[in-house]
Amino acid sequence: QVQLVESGGGLVQPGGSLRLSCAASGSIFSIYLMGWYRQAPGKQRELVARITSGGSTNYADSVKGRFPISRDNAKNTVYLQMNSLKPEDTAVYYCNAFKAPDGYWGQGTQVTVSS
């Protein structure tokens, strides 16, 4: 079992930055594939970025170059640094931990990009 708690969301103006954090507990964090997903109103949940236990990353095209993902295995935490934010980045952002066959979700944190 893994428990995930996201933090760092909020309201930001276009072009601004936010850093999301996801703190994990309950299992061996370092072995999990960690990811950030988002869901905007009326849309399906989509992958934003993910990072393997070894540090390899991949990103949605819409955030490449703007949202670096990182992890600190000593702190059981994964981060999403969100730069150059756009109104279309507005969504609830969810942290995910995956190791086949199990997957876990956090409760989500709202990010709103608006002037």
N, C-alpha and C. Protein backbone atom coordinates (compact mmCIF):
# COMPACT_ATOMS: atom_id res chain seq x y z
N GLN A 1 0.83 -1.19 0.00
CA GLN A 1 0.00 0.00 0.00
C GLN A 1 0.87 1.25 0.00
N VAL A 2 0.42 2.24 -0.77
CA VAL A 2 1.11 3.52 -0.83
C VAL A 2 0.08 4.62 -0.60
N GLN A 3 0.42 5.56 0.24
CA GLN A 3 -0.42 6.74 0.43
C GLN A 3 0.31 7.94 -0.18
N LEU A 4 -0.44 8.74 -0.93
CA LEU A 4 0.13 9.87 -1.65
C LEU A 4 -0.60 11.15 -1.26
N VAL A 5 0.17 12.19 -0.95
CA VAL A 5 -0.42 13.47 -0.59
C VAL A 5 0.23 14.56 -1.42
N GLU A 6 -0.60 15.21 -2.26
CA GLU A 6 -0.10 16.29 -3.11
C GLU A 6 -0.22 17.64 -2.39
N SER A 7 0.64 18.56 -2.78
CA SER A 7 0.56 19.93 -2.28
C SER A 7 1.19 20.86 -3.30
N GLY A 8 0.92 22.16 -3.14
CA GLY A 8 1.58 23.14 -3.98
C GLY A 8 0.70 23.78 -5.03
N GLY A 9 -0.55 23.34 -5.16
CA GLY A 9 -1.43 23.95 -6.14
C GLY A 9 -1.87 25.34 -5.71
N GLY A 10 -2.58 26.01 -6.62
CA GLY A 10 -3.08 27.34 -6.29
C GLY A 10 -3.44 28.11 -7.53
N LEU A 11 -3.63 29.41 -7.33
CA LEU A 11 -3.97 30.32 -8.42
C LEU A 11 -2.70 31.08 -8.83
N VAL A 12 -2.45 31.12 -10.13
CA VAL A 12 -1.25 31.80 -10.63
C VAL A 12 -1.60 32.49 -11.94
N GLN A 13 -0.91 33.58 -12.22
CA GLN A 13 -1.15 34.29 -13.47
C GLN A 13 -0.44 33.59 -14.64
N PRO A 14 -0.94 33.79 -15.84
CA PRO A 14 -0.25 33.22 -17.02
C PRO A 14 1.21 33.67 -17.05
N GLY A 15 2.08 32.71 -17.36
CA GLY A 15 3.52 32.96 -17.37
C GLY A 15 4.19 32.69 -16.05
N GLY A 16 3.41 32.46 -15.01
CA GLY A 16 3.96 32.21 -13.68
C GLY A 16 4.40 30.76 -13.50
N SER A 17 4.83 30.47 -12.28
CA SER A 17 5.34 29.15 -11.94
C SER A 17 4.72 28.63 -10.65
N LEU A 18 4.65 27.33 -10.55
CA LEU A 18 4.26 26.64 -9.32
C LEU A 18 5.08 25.36 -9.24
N ARG A 19 5.30 24.89 -8.02
CA ARG A 19 5.92 23.58 -7.84
C ARG A 19 4.99 22.69 -7.04
N LEU A 20 4.62 21.58 -7.64
CA LEU A 20 3.81 20.58 -6.96
C LEU A 20 4.71 19.55 -6.30
N SER A 21 4.28 19.10 -5.13
CA SER A 21 4.99 18.04 -4.43
C SER A 21 4.03 16.90 -4.14
N CYS A 22 4.56 15.71 -4.13
CA CYS A 22 3.76 14.53 -3.79
C CYS A 22 4.58 13.69 -2.82
N ALA A 23 4.12 13.63 -1.58
CA ALA A 23 4.80 12.87 -0.55
C ALA A 23 4.18 11.49 -0.43
N ALA A 24 5.01 10.47 -0.47
CA ALA A 24 4.54 9.09 -0.43
C ALA A 24 4.92 8.42 0.88
N SER A 25 4.08 7.53 1.32
CA SER A 25 4.38 6.76 2.52
C SER A 25 3.77 5.37 2.38
N GLY A 26 4.28 4.43 3.14
CA GLY A 26 3.65 3.13 3.24
C GLY A 26 4.33 2.01 2.49
N SER A 27 5.26 2.32 1.61
CA SER A 27 5.94 1.25 0.89
C SER A 27 7.30 1.75 0.43
N ILE A 28 7.99 0.97 -0.35
CA ILE A 28 9.32 1.36 -0.79
C ILE A 28 9.18 2.29 -1.99
N PHE A 29 9.27 3.57 -1.72
CA PHE A 29 9.01 4.58 -2.74
C PHE A 29 9.90 4.42 -3.96
N SER A 30 11.15 4.10 -3.73
CA SER A 30 12.13 4.14 -4.82
C SER A 30 11.83 3.16 -5.94
N ILE A 31 11.02 2.13 -5.68
CA ILE A 31 10.79 1.13 -6.72
C ILE A 31 9.61 1.47 -7.61
N TYR A 32 8.90 2.54 -7.30
CA TYR A 32 7.70 2.86 -8.05
C TYR A 32 7.96 3.81 -9.20
N LEU A 33 7.24 3.58 -10.28
CA LEU A 33 7.12 4.56 -11.36
C LEU A 33 6.18 5.64 -10.84
N MET A 34 6.64 6.89 -10.84
CA MET A 34 5.84 7.99 -10.32
C MET A 34 5.41 8.90 -11.47
N GLY A 35 4.18 9.36 -11.39
CA GLY A 35 3.69 10.21 -12.46
C GLY A 35 2.77 11.30 -11.95
N TRP A 36 2.66 12.33 -12.77
CA TRP A 36 1.68 13.39 -12.56
C TRP A 36 0.68 13.34 -13.71
N TYR A 37 -0.58 13.39 -13.35
CA TYR A 37 -1.67 13.43 -14.31
C TYR A 37 -2.52 14.66 -14.01
N ARG A 38 -3.34 15.05 -14.97
CA ARG A 38 -4.24 16.17 -14.72
C ARG A 38 -5.58 15.91 -15.39
N GLN A 39 -6.60 16.55 -14.80
CA GLN A 39 -7.94 16.43 -15.36
C GLN A 39 -8.61 17.79 -15.31
N ALA A 40 -8.93 18.31 -16.48
CA ALA A 40 -9.64 19.58 -16.60
C ALA A 40 -11.13 19.31 -16.64
N PRO A 41 -11.96 20.28 -16.30
CA PRO A 41 -13.40 20.07 -16.31
C PRO A 41 -13.88 19.60 -17.67
N GLY A 42 -14.66 18.51 -17.67
CA GLY A 42 -15.23 17.99 -18.90
C GLY A 42 -14.27 17.20 -19.76
N LYS A 43 -13.05 16.98 -19.26
CA LYS A 43 -12.05 16.25 -20.05
C LYS A 43 -11.59 15.01 -19.30
N GLN A 44 -10.96 14.11 -20.04
CA GLN A 44 -10.42 12.90 -19.42
C GLN A 44 -9.10 13.21 -18.72
N ARG A 45 -8.80 12.39 -17.74
CA ARG A 45 -7.51 12.51 -17.07
C ARG A 45 -6.41 12.16 -18.07
N GLU A 46 -5.32 12.95 -18.05
CA GLU A 46 -4.25 12.73 -19.00
C GLU A 46 -2.90 12.75 -18.28
N LEU A 47 -1.96 12.02 -18.86
CA LEU A 47 -0.61 12.00 -18.33
C LEU A 47 0.06 13.34 -18.60
N VAL A 48 0.75 13.87 -17.59
CA VAL A 48 1.54 15.07 -17.74
C VAL A 48 3.02 14.69 -17.85
N ALA A 49 3.51 13.93 -16.86
CA ALA A 49 4.92 13.54 -16.84
C ALA A 49 5.06 12.35 -15.92
N ARG A 50 6.11 11.55 -16.16
CA ARG A 50 6.39 10.47 -15.24
C ARG A 50 7.88 10.21 -15.18
N ILE A 51 8.29 9.55 -14.10
CA ILE A 51 9.71 9.32 -13.86
C ILE A 51 9.88 7.92 -13.29
N THR A 52 10.83 7.19 -13.84
CA THR A 52 11.07 5.83 -13.38
C THR A 52 11.89 5.83 -12.10
N SER A 53 12.05 4.66 -11.53
CA SER A 53 12.87 4.53 -10.32
C SER A 53 14.31 4.93 -10.61
N GLY A 54 14.74 4.77 -11.87
CA GLY A 54 16.10 5.12 -12.24
C GLY A 54 16.28 6.55 -12.69
N GLY A 55 15.17 7.30 -12.76
CA GLY A 55 15.25 8.71 -13.11
C GLY A 55 14.96 9.04 -14.56
N SER A 56 14.60 8.05 -15.38
CA SER A 56 14.21 8.35 -16.75
C SER A 56 12.84 9.02 -16.76
N THR A 57 12.67 9.98 -17.68
CA THR A 57 11.44 10.76 -17.69
C THR A 57 10.78 10.74 -19.05
N ASN A 58 9.47 10.97 -19.06
CA ASN A 58 8.80 11.28 -20.31
C ASN A 58 7.65 12.24 -20.01
N TYR A 59 7.28 13.00 -21.05
CA TYR A 59 6.36 14.12 -20.89
C TYR A 59 5.31 14.15 -21.99
N ALA A 60 4.17 14.71 -21.65
CA ALA A 60 3.19 15.05 -22.66
C ALA A 60 3.77 16.16 -23.53
N ASP A 61 3.44 16.14 -24.81
CA ASP A 61 3.97 17.16 -25.72
C ASP A 61 3.61 18.57 -25.27
N SER A 62 2.45 18.70 -24.66
CA SER A 62 1.97 20.03 -24.28
C SER A 62 2.78 20.68 -23.15
N VAL A 63 3.55 19.88 -22.43
CA VAL A 63 4.31 20.43 -21.29
C VAL A 63 5.81 20.26 -21.46
N LYS A 64 6.25 19.64 -22.53
CA LYS A 64 7.69 19.41 -22.73
C LYS A 64 8.43 20.73 -22.70
N GLY A 65 9.51 20.75 -21.94
CA GLY A 65 10.31 21.96 -21.83
C GLY A 65 9.81 22.96 -20.81
N ARG A 66 8.62 22.73 -20.26
CA ARG A 66 8.05 23.67 -19.27
C ARG A 66 7.90 23.06 -17.89
N PHE A 67 7.64 21.74 -17.79
CA PHE A 67 7.28 21.08 -16.54
C PHE A 67 8.27 19.96 -16.21
N PRO A 68 9.45 20.24 -15.76
CA PRO A 68 10.35 19.14 -15.40
C PRO A 68 9.85 18.38 -14.17
N ILE A 69 9.94 17.06 -14.23
CA ILE A 69 9.59 16.19 -13.11
C ILE A 69 10.87 15.69 -12.46
N SER A 70 10.85 15.55 -11.16
CA SER A 70 12.01 15.03 -10.45
C SER A 70 11.54 14.25 -9.23
N ARG A 71 12.46 13.50 -8.65
CA ARG A 71 12.12 12.74 -7.46
C ARG A 71 13.30 12.74 -6.51
N ASP A 72 12.97 12.68 -5.22
CA ASP A 72 13.97 12.57 -4.18
C ASP A 72 13.62 11.31 -3.40
N ASN A 73 14.31 10.22 -3.67
CA ASN A 73 13.98 8.95 -3.04
C ASN A 73 14.25 8.97 -1.54
N ALA A 74 15.19 9.77 -1.11
CA ALA A 74 15.48 9.86 0.32
C ALA A 74 14.33 10.52 1.08
N LYS A 75 13.59 11.39 0.39
CA LYS A 75 12.45 12.07 1.01
C LYS A 75 11.12 11.48 0.60
N ASN A 76 11.14 10.42 -0.20
CA ASN A 76 9.90 9.79 -0.68
C ASN A 76 8.98 10.81 -1.33
N THR A 77 9.55 11.67 -2.16
CA THR A 77 8.78 12.77 -2.73
C THR A 77 9.09 12.91 -4.22
N VAL A 78 8.04 13.20 -4.98
CA VAL A 78 8.19 13.52 -6.39
C VAL A 78 7.67 14.94 -6.60
N TYR A 79 8.33 15.67 -7.51
CA TYR A 79 8.02 17.07 -7.74
C TYR A 79 7.63 17.30 -9.20
N LEU A 80 6.82 18.32 -9.40
CA LEU A 80 6.54 18.80 -10.75
C LEU A 80 6.72 20.32 -10.72
N GLN A 81 7.78 20.78 -11.34
CA GLN A 81 8.03 22.22 -11.46
C GLN A 81 7.31 22.72 -12.70
N MET A 82 6.35 23.60 -12.51
CA MET A 82 5.53 24.07 -13.63
C MET A 82 5.91 25.51 -13.94
N ASN A 83 6.48 25.72 -15.11
CA ASN A 83 6.94 27.04 -15.55
C ASN A 83 6.14 27.51 -16.76
N SER A 84 6.17 28.80 -16.99
CA SER A 84 5.48 29.38 -18.15
C SER A 84 4.04 28.86 -18.26
N LEU A 85 3.34 28.93 -17.16
CA LEU A 85 2.00 28.38 -17.11
C LEU A 85 1.04 29.11 -18.03
N LYS A 86 0.11 28.34 -18.59
CA LYS A 86 -0.89 28.85 -19.53
C LYS A 86 -2.28 28.56 -18.96
N PRO A 87 -3.27 29.33 -19.39
CA PRO A 87 -4.64 29.05 -18.93
C PRO A 87 -5.07 27.60 -19.20
N GLU A 88 -4.61 27.03 -20.28
CA GLU A 88 -5.00 25.65 -20.60
C GLU A 88 -4.34 24.61 -19.69
N ASP A 89 -3.44 25.03 -18.82
CA ASP A 89 -2.87 24.13 -17.81
C ASP A 89 -3.79 24.00 -16.60
N THR A 90 -4.85 24.79 -16.55
CA THR A 90 -5.78 24.73 -15.44
C THR A 90 -6.42 23.34 -15.35
N ALA A 91 -6.30 22.72 -14.18
CA ALA A 91 -6.81 21.36 -13.98
C ALA A 91 -6.57 20.96 -12.53
N VAL A 92 -7.15 19.83 -12.17
CA VAL A 92 -6.75 19.16 -10.93
C VAL A 92 -5.60 18.23 -11.29
N TYR A 93 -4.51 18.35 -10.54
CA TYR A 93 -3.32 17.55 -10.79
C TYR A 93 -3.24 16.42 -9.76
N TYR A 94 -3.01 15.21 -10.27
CA TYR A 94 -2.98 14.02 -9.44
C TYR A 94 -1.61 13.35 -9.51
N CYS A 95 -1.17 12.89 -8.37
CA CYS A 95 0.05 12.10 -8.30
C CYS A 95 -0.32 10.61 -8.40
N ASN A 96 0.53 9.85 -9.06
CA ASN A 96 0.29 8.41 -9.23
C ASN A 96 1.57 7.63 -8.94
N ALA A 97 1.39 6.51 -8.25
CA ALA A 97 2.50 5.58 -8.02
C ALA A 97 2.12 4.24 -8.62
N PHE A 98 3.03 3.67 -9.39
CA PHE A 98 2.69 2.42 -10.09
C PHE A 98 3.83 1.44 -10.02
N LYS A 99 3.47 0.21 -9.62
CA LYS A 99 4.36 -0.93 -9.76
C LYS A 99 3.44 -2.11 -10.00
N ALA A 100 3.53 -2.68 -11.18
CA ALA A 100 2.61 -3.73 -11.58
C ALA A 100 2.46 -4.80 -10.49
N PRO A 101 1.23 -5.21 -10.19
CA PRO A 101 -0.01 -4.79 -10.83
C PRO A 101 -0.75 -3.66 -10.10
N ASP A 102 -0.06 -2.96 -9.18
CA ASP A 102 -0.76 -2.01 -8.30
C ASP A 102 -0.49 -0.57 -8.73
N GLY A 103 -1.55 0.23 -8.61
CA GLY A 103 -1.42 1.66 -8.85
C GLY A 103 -2.17 2.42 -7.79
N TYR A 104 -1.65 3.60 -7.42
CA TYR A 104 -2.23 4.39 -6.34
C TYR A 104 -2.33 5.85 -6.80
N TRP A 105 -3.37 6.52 -6.28
CA TRP A 105 -3.60 7.92 -6.62
C TRP A 105 -3.65 8.78 -5.36
N GLY A 106 -3.20 10.01 -5.50
CA GLY A 106 -3.43 10.99 -4.46
C GLY A 106 -4.80 11.62 -4.62
N GLN A 107 -5.10 12.57 -3.75
CA GLN A 107 -6.43 13.17 -3.75
C GLN A 107 -6.55 14.31 -4.75
N GLY A 108 -5.43 14.78 -5.27
CA GLY A 108 -5.45 15.85 -6.27
C GLY A 108 -5.25 17.22 -5.66
N THR A 109 -4.68 18.12 -6.46
CA THR A 109 -4.50 19.50 -6.05
C THR A 109 -4.88 20.40 -7.23
N GLN A 110 -5.65 21.44 -6.95
CA GLN A 110 -6.14 22.31 -8.01
C GLN A 110 -5.08 23.32 -8.43
N VAL A 111 -4.90 23.44 -9.74
CA VAL A 111 -4.06 24.48 -10.31
C VAL A 111 -4.93 25.32 -11.24
N THR A 112 -4.97 26.61 -10.98
CA THR A 112 -5.75 27.52 -11.80
C THR A 112 -4.83 28.61 -12.34
N VAL A 113 -4.82 28.75 -13.66
CA VAL A 113 -3.99 29.76 -14.31
C VAL A 113 -4.92 30.80 -14.92
N SER A 114 -4.90 31.99 -14.34
CA SER A 114 -5.84 33.03 -14.76
C SER A 114 -5.31 34.39 -14.36
N SER A 115 -5.63 35.37 -15.18
CA SER A 115 -5.27 36.75 -14.86
C SER A 115 -6.42 37.44 -14.13
